[in-house]
Amino acid sequence: MIFGIGIDVVDIARFEESLIRTPALKARLFKGVELERPLHGLAARFAAKEAIAKAMDAKGLFHWHDVEVINLESGKPTFLLSGETEKYLQGKKVHLSLSHDAGIASAMVVIEE
């Protein structure tokens, strides 16, 4: 059974302007291996975090650093959850798809019960 679905789209150039305008923003949004990603990868990961927040529909339980986007050995993106977000989604399966092309990064999240 589907618990939630979320999607987000990010204009990569606009995202870059935000990171330049607010230098501390990158550290507030990302952690770990995420910080090593190129701009289009960061934009896709930002979209993923927005998408999972929408799929969760639980604003008070979402914290940026509780949700890290990592890649499995196969290259498939997935979430590494911690804190309140991990507790809230315990026992649920979270699916993630990322894409970036033509200046746009996007992410879709499906959460199953």
N, C-alpha and C. Protein backbone atom coordinates (compact mmCIF):
# COMPACT_ATOMS: atom_id res chain seq x y z
N MET A 1 0.85 -1.18 0.00
CA MET A 1 0.00 0.00 0.00
C MET A 1 0.89 1.24 0.00
N ILE A 2 0.52 2.22 -0.78
CA ILE A 2 1.27 3.48 -0.87
C ILE A 2 0.96 4.34 0.35
N PHE A 3 2.00 4.77 1.03
CA PHE A 3 1.89 5.66 2.19
C PHE A 3 1.98 7.11 1.74
N GLY A 4 2.87 7.39 0.75
CA GLY A 4 3.03 8.76 0.28
C GLY A 4 3.85 8.83 -0.99
N ILE A 5 3.61 9.87 -1.77
CA ILE A 5 4.35 10.13 -3.01
C ILE A 5 4.78 11.59 -3.00
N GLY A 6 6.02 11.85 -3.39
CA GLY A 6 6.51 13.22 -3.46
C GLY A 6 7.37 13.40 -4.70
N ILE A 7 7.31 14.57 -5.28
CA ILE A 7 8.13 14.90 -6.44
C ILE A 7 8.60 16.34 -6.30
N ASP A 8 9.79 16.62 -6.80
CA ASP A 8 10.30 17.99 -6.77
C ASP A 8 11.20 18.22 -7.97
N VAL A 9 11.21 19.44 -8.44
CA VAL A 9 12.01 19.86 -9.59
C VAL A 9 12.80 21.11 -9.19
N VAL A 10 14.11 21.13 -9.54
CA VAL A 10 14.98 22.24 -9.15
C VAL A 10 15.67 22.79 -10.39
N ASP A 11 15.59 24.10 -10.56
CA ASP A 11 16.36 24.79 -11.61
C ASP A 11 17.79 24.88 -11.10
N ILE A 12 18.71 24.20 -11.78
CA ILE A 12 20.08 24.10 -11.29
C ILE A 12 20.78 25.45 -11.20
N ALA A 13 20.59 26.32 -12.18
CA ALA A 13 21.22 27.65 -12.15
C ALA A 13 20.69 28.47 -10.97
N ARG A 14 19.41 28.41 -10.74
CA ARG A 14 18.81 29.14 -9.62
C ARG A 14 19.31 28.59 -8.29
N PHE A 15 19.45 27.26 -8.21
CA PHE A 15 19.97 26.61 -7.01
C PHE A 15 21.41 27.07 -6.76
N GLU A 16 22.21 27.16 -7.82
CA GLU A 16 23.59 27.63 -7.69
C GLU A 16 23.63 29.07 -7.16
N GLU A 17 22.75 29.91 -7.67
CA GLU A 17 22.68 31.30 -7.19
C GLU A 17 22.38 31.34 -5.70
N SER A 18 21.50 30.47 -5.24
CA SER A 18 21.17 30.41 -3.80
C SER A 18 22.38 30.00 -2.98
N LEU A 19 23.14 29.02 -3.48
CA LEU A 19 24.34 28.57 -2.76
C LEU A 19 25.41 29.66 -2.71
N ILE A 20 25.52 30.44 -3.78
CA ILE A 20 26.51 31.54 -3.82
C ILE A 20 26.06 32.67 -2.90
N ARG A 21 24.78 33.00 -2.95
CA ARG A 21 24.24 34.11 -2.16
C ARG A 21 24.28 33.81 -0.66
N THR A 22 24.11 32.52 -0.31
CA THR A 22 24.08 32.11 1.10
C THR A 22 25.08 30.97 1.30
N PRO A 23 26.35 31.29 1.52
CA PRO A 23 27.39 30.26 1.60
C PRO A 23 27.14 29.17 2.65
N ALA A 24 26.49 29.50 3.74
CA ALA A 24 26.24 28.50 4.80
C ALA A 24 25.12 27.53 4.44
N LEU A 25 24.40 27.81 3.36
CA LEU A 25 23.26 26.99 2.98
C LEU A 25 23.66 25.55 2.67
N LYS A 26 24.78 25.36 1.99
CA LYS A 26 25.22 24.02 1.61
C LYS A 26 25.38 23.13 2.84
N ALA A 27 26.01 23.64 3.88
CA ALA A 27 26.23 22.85 5.10
C ALA A 27 24.93 22.63 5.88
N ARG A 28 23.95 23.52 5.72
CA ARG A 28 22.67 23.34 6.40
C ARG A 28 21.82 22.27 5.73
N LEU A 29 22.01 22.10 4.41
CA LEU A 29 21.18 21.16 3.65
C LEU A 29 21.80 19.77 3.51
N PHE A 30 23.13 19.71 3.45
CA PHE A 30 23.80 18.47 3.10
C PHE A 30 24.82 18.05 4.15
N LYS A 31 25.18 16.75 4.11
CA LYS A 31 26.21 16.25 5.01
C LYS A 31 26.91 15.07 4.34
N GLY A 32 27.99 14.64 4.94
CA GLY A 32 28.69 13.44 4.48
C GLY A 32 29.12 13.51 3.02
N VAL A 33 28.91 12.41 2.32
CA VAL A 33 29.34 12.32 0.92
C VAL A 33 28.56 13.25 0.00
N GLU A 34 27.40 13.70 0.45
CA GLU A 34 26.63 14.64 -0.36
C GLU A 34 27.45 15.90 -0.68
N LEU A 35 28.22 16.35 0.29
CA LEU A 35 28.98 17.60 0.14
C LEU A 35 30.04 17.52 -0.97
N GLU A 36 30.39 16.32 -1.38
CA GLU A 36 31.40 16.12 -2.42
C GLU A 36 30.81 16.12 -3.83
N ARG A 37 29.50 16.16 -3.94
CA ARG A 37 28.83 16.04 -5.24
C ARG A 37 28.97 17.32 -6.06
N PRO A 38 28.97 17.19 -7.40
CA PRO A 38 28.96 18.38 -8.24
C PRO A 38 27.60 19.08 -8.14
N LEU A 39 27.52 20.27 -8.68
CA LEU A 39 26.30 21.09 -8.56
C LEU A 39 25.04 20.35 -8.98
N HIS A 40 25.04 19.70 -10.14
CA HIS A 40 23.82 19.02 -10.59
C HIS A 40 23.43 17.89 -9.63
N GLY A 41 24.43 17.23 -9.02
CA GLY A 41 24.15 16.20 -8.02
C GLY A 41 23.57 16.77 -6.74
N LEU A 42 24.08 17.93 -6.33
CA LEU A 42 23.52 18.60 -5.15
C LEU A 42 22.08 19.03 -5.40
N ALA A 43 21.83 19.56 -6.58
CA ALA A 43 20.46 19.99 -6.92
C ALA A 43 19.51 18.81 -6.90
N ALA A 44 19.94 17.67 -7.43
CA ALA A 44 19.10 16.47 -7.43
C ALA A 44 18.85 15.99 -6.00
N ARG A 45 19.86 16.08 -5.16
CA ARG A 45 19.71 15.65 -3.77
C ARG A 45 18.81 16.61 -2.99
N PHE A 46 18.89 17.88 -3.30
CA PHE A 46 17.96 18.84 -2.70
C PHE A 46 16.53 18.48 -3.11
N ALA A 47 16.33 18.19 -4.40
CA ALA A 47 15.02 17.79 -4.89
C ALA A 47 14.54 16.52 -4.17
N ALA A 48 15.46 15.58 -3.93
CA ALA A 48 15.10 14.33 -3.24
C ALA A 48 14.63 14.61 -1.82
N LYS A 49 15.30 15.51 -1.13
CA LYS A 49 14.92 15.84 0.24
C LYS A 49 13.57 16.55 0.28
N GLU A 50 13.34 17.41 -0.68
CA GLU A 50 12.03 18.06 -0.78
C GLU A 50 10.94 17.03 -1.09
N ALA A 51 11.26 16.09 -1.98
CA ALA A 51 10.28 15.07 -2.38
C ALA A 51 9.93 14.14 -1.21
N ILE A 52 10.93 13.74 -0.43
CA ILE A 52 10.61 12.85 0.71
C ILE A 52 9.82 13.61 1.77
N ALA A 53 10.10 14.88 1.95
CA ALA A 53 9.33 15.68 2.91
C ALA A 53 7.86 15.73 2.47
N LYS A 54 7.63 15.90 1.18
CA LYS A 54 6.25 15.92 0.66
C LYS A 54 5.58 14.56 0.83
N ALA A 55 6.33 13.49 0.54
CA ALA A 55 5.77 12.14 0.66
C ALA A 55 5.45 11.80 2.11
N MET A 56 6.26 12.29 3.04
CA MET A 56 6.04 12.05 4.47
C MET A 56 4.82 12.81 4.99
N ASP A 57 4.58 13.99 4.46
CA ASP A 57 3.49 14.85 4.92
C ASP A 57 3.51 15.01 6.44
N ALA A 58 4.73 15.23 6.97
CA ALA A 58 4.92 15.38 8.41
C ALA A 58 6.00 16.42 8.66
N LYS A 59 5.69 17.66 8.40
CA LYS A 59 6.68 18.75 8.42
C LYS A 59 7.54 18.80 9.68
N GLY A 60 6.96 18.60 10.82
CA GLY A 60 7.71 18.70 12.07
C GLY A 60 8.71 17.57 12.28
N LEU A 61 8.57 16.49 11.51
CA LEU A 61 9.45 15.34 11.68
C LEU A 61 10.58 15.31 10.66
N PHE A 62 10.59 16.23 9.73
CA PHE A 62 11.63 16.25 8.70
C PHE A 62 12.73 17.23 9.09
N HIS A 63 13.97 16.74 9.07
CA HIS A 63 15.13 17.58 9.33
C HIS A 63 16.15 17.29 8.23
N TRP A 64 16.73 18.32 7.65
CA TRP A 64 17.64 18.17 6.50
C TRP A 64 18.74 17.15 6.75
N HIS A 65 19.35 17.16 7.92
CA HIS A 65 20.48 16.26 8.17
C HIS A 65 20.05 14.86 8.59
N ASP A 66 18.75 14.65 8.77
CA ASP A 66 18.23 13.30 9.03
C ASP A 66 18.06 12.51 7.74
N VAL A 67 18.21 13.18 6.61
CA VAL A 67 17.99 12.56 5.31
C VAL A 67 19.22 12.80 4.44
N GLU A 68 20.01 11.75 4.23
CA GLU A 68 21.19 11.83 3.38
C GLU A 68 20.97 10.95 2.16
N VAL A 69 21.28 11.48 0.98
CA VAL A 69 21.15 10.71 -0.25
C VAL A 69 22.52 10.11 -0.57
N ILE A 70 22.54 8.79 -0.65
CA ILE A 70 23.77 8.08 -0.97
C ILE A 70 23.51 7.21 -2.20
N ASN A 71 24.58 6.65 -2.74
CA ASN A 71 24.44 5.72 -3.86
C ASN A 71 24.90 4.34 -3.42
N LEU A 72 24.13 3.33 -3.77
CA LEU A 72 24.54 1.96 -3.54
C LEU A 72 25.68 1.61 -4.49
N GLU A 73 26.32 0.48 -4.29
CA GLU A 73 27.41 0.06 -5.17
C GLU A 73 26.98 0.02 -6.62
N SER A 74 25.72 -0.31 -6.86
CA SER A 74 25.18 -0.39 -8.21
C SER A 74 25.01 0.99 -8.84
N GLY A 75 25.10 2.04 -8.02
CA GLY A 75 24.88 3.40 -8.48
C GLY A 75 23.48 3.92 -8.17
N LYS A 76 22.60 3.03 -7.78
CA LYS A 76 21.22 3.42 -7.46
C LYS A 76 21.20 4.34 -6.25
N PRO A 77 20.49 5.48 -6.36
CA PRO A 77 20.39 6.38 -5.21
C PRO A 77 19.40 5.84 -4.18
N THR A 78 19.71 6.11 -2.93
CA THR A 78 18.81 5.72 -1.84
C THR A 78 19.01 6.69 -0.69
N PHE A 79 18.15 6.60 0.29
CA PHE A 79 18.26 7.46 1.46
C PHE A 79 18.95 6.74 2.61
N LEU A 80 19.77 7.45 3.32
CA LEU A 80 20.32 7.02 4.60
C LEU A 80 19.62 7.89 5.63
N LEU A 81 18.70 7.30 6.38
CA LEU A 81 17.85 8.05 7.30
C LEU A 81 18.37 7.95 8.73
N SER A 82 18.12 9.00 9.51
CA SER A 82 18.48 9.01 10.92
C SER A 82 17.48 9.88 11.68
N GLY A 83 17.63 9.93 12.97
CA GLY A 83 16.82 10.82 13.81
C GLY A 83 15.32 10.58 13.72
N GLU A 84 14.57 11.66 13.84
CA GLU A 84 13.11 11.60 13.83
C GLU A 84 12.56 11.06 12.51
N THR A 85 13.24 11.37 11.42
CA THR A 85 12.78 10.89 10.11
C THR A 85 12.86 9.37 10.05
N GLU A 86 13.97 8.82 10.53
CA GLU A 86 14.12 7.36 10.53
C GLU A 86 13.04 6.71 11.40
N LYS A 87 12.79 7.27 12.57
CA LYS A 87 11.76 6.73 13.47
C LYS A 87 10.38 6.76 12.80
N TYR A 88 10.07 7.88 12.16
CA TYR A 88 8.76 8.05 11.52
C TYR A 88 8.57 7.05 10.38
N LEU A 89 9.63 6.77 9.64
CA LEU A 89 9.53 5.89 8.47
C LEU A 89 9.90 4.43 8.77
N GLN A 90 10.13 4.12 10.04
CA GLN A 90 10.51 2.76 10.42
C GLN A 90 9.45 1.76 9.93
N GLY A 91 9.92 0.68 9.28
CA GLY A 91 9.02 -0.34 8.77
C GLY A 91 8.44 -0.03 7.40
N LYS A 92 8.76 1.14 6.86
CA LYS A 92 8.26 1.52 5.54
C LYS A 92 9.39 1.40 4.52
N LYS A 93 9.05 1.14 3.27
CA LYS A 93 10.04 1.05 2.20
C LYS A 93 9.99 2.35 1.41
N VAL A 94 11.17 2.96 1.23
CA VAL A 94 11.26 4.25 0.54
C VAL A 94 11.98 4.05 -0.79
N HIS A 95 11.35 4.46 -1.87
CA HIS A 95 11.91 4.37 -3.21
C HIS A 95 12.29 5.77 -3.68
N LEU A 96 13.44 5.89 -4.36
CA LEU A 96 13.93 7.19 -4.83
C LEU A 96 14.41 7.09 -6.26
N SER A 97 14.04 8.06 -7.07
CA SER A 97 14.55 8.19 -8.42
C SER A 97 15.01 9.62 -8.63
N LEU A 98 16.24 9.79 -9.16
CA LEU A 98 16.80 11.12 -9.43
C LEU A 98 17.05 11.28 -10.92
N SER A 99 16.99 12.52 -11.38
CA SER A 99 17.33 12.81 -12.77
C SER A 99 17.81 14.24 -12.87
N HIS A 100 18.67 14.51 -13.85
CA HIS A 100 19.07 15.89 -14.15
C HIS A 100 19.42 15.98 -15.62
N ASP A 101 18.86 17.00 -16.28
CA ASP A 101 19.08 17.22 -17.71
C ASP A 101 18.58 18.61 -18.06
N ALA A 102 19.24 19.23 -19.01
CA ALA A 102 18.80 20.53 -19.55
C ALA A 102 18.59 21.58 -18.47
N GLY A 103 19.47 21.59 -17.46
CA GLY A 103 19.40 22.61 -16.43
C GLY A 103 18.38 22.36 -15.33
N ILE A 104 17.78 21.18 -15.34
CA ILE A 104 16.77 20.85 -14.34
C ILE A 104 17.18 19.57 -13.62
N ALA A 105 17.03 19.55 -12.30
CA ALA A 105 17.22 18.34 -11.50
C ALA A 105 15.86 17.97 -10.92
N SER A 106 15.58 16.67 -10.87
CA SER A 106 14.28 16.24 -10.34
C SER A 106 14.44 14.98 -9.51
N ALA A 107 13.46 14.77 -8.65
CA ALA A 107 13.44 13.58 -7.81
C ALA A 107 12.00 13.16 -7.58
N MET A 108 11.82 11.85 -7.49
CA MET A 108 10.51 11.29 -7.13
C MET A 108 10.71 10.29 -6.01
N VAL A 109 9.83 10.33 -5.03
CA VAL A 109 9.90 9.45 -3.88
C VAL A 109 8.53 8.77 -3.72
N VAL A 110 8.58 7.47 -3.49
CA VAL A 110 7.38 6.71 -3.16
C VAL A 110 7.68 5.99 -1.84
N ILE A 111 6.77 6.13 -0.90
CA ILE A 111 6.90 5.45 0.40
C ILE A 111 5.78 4.42 0.47
N GLU A 112 6.19 3.16 0.76
CA GLU A 112 5.22 2.07 0.90
C GLU A 112 5.08 1.68 2.37
N GLU A 113 3.87 1.31 2.76
CA GLU A 113 3.62 0.79 4.12
C GLU A 113 4.26 -0.59 4.23
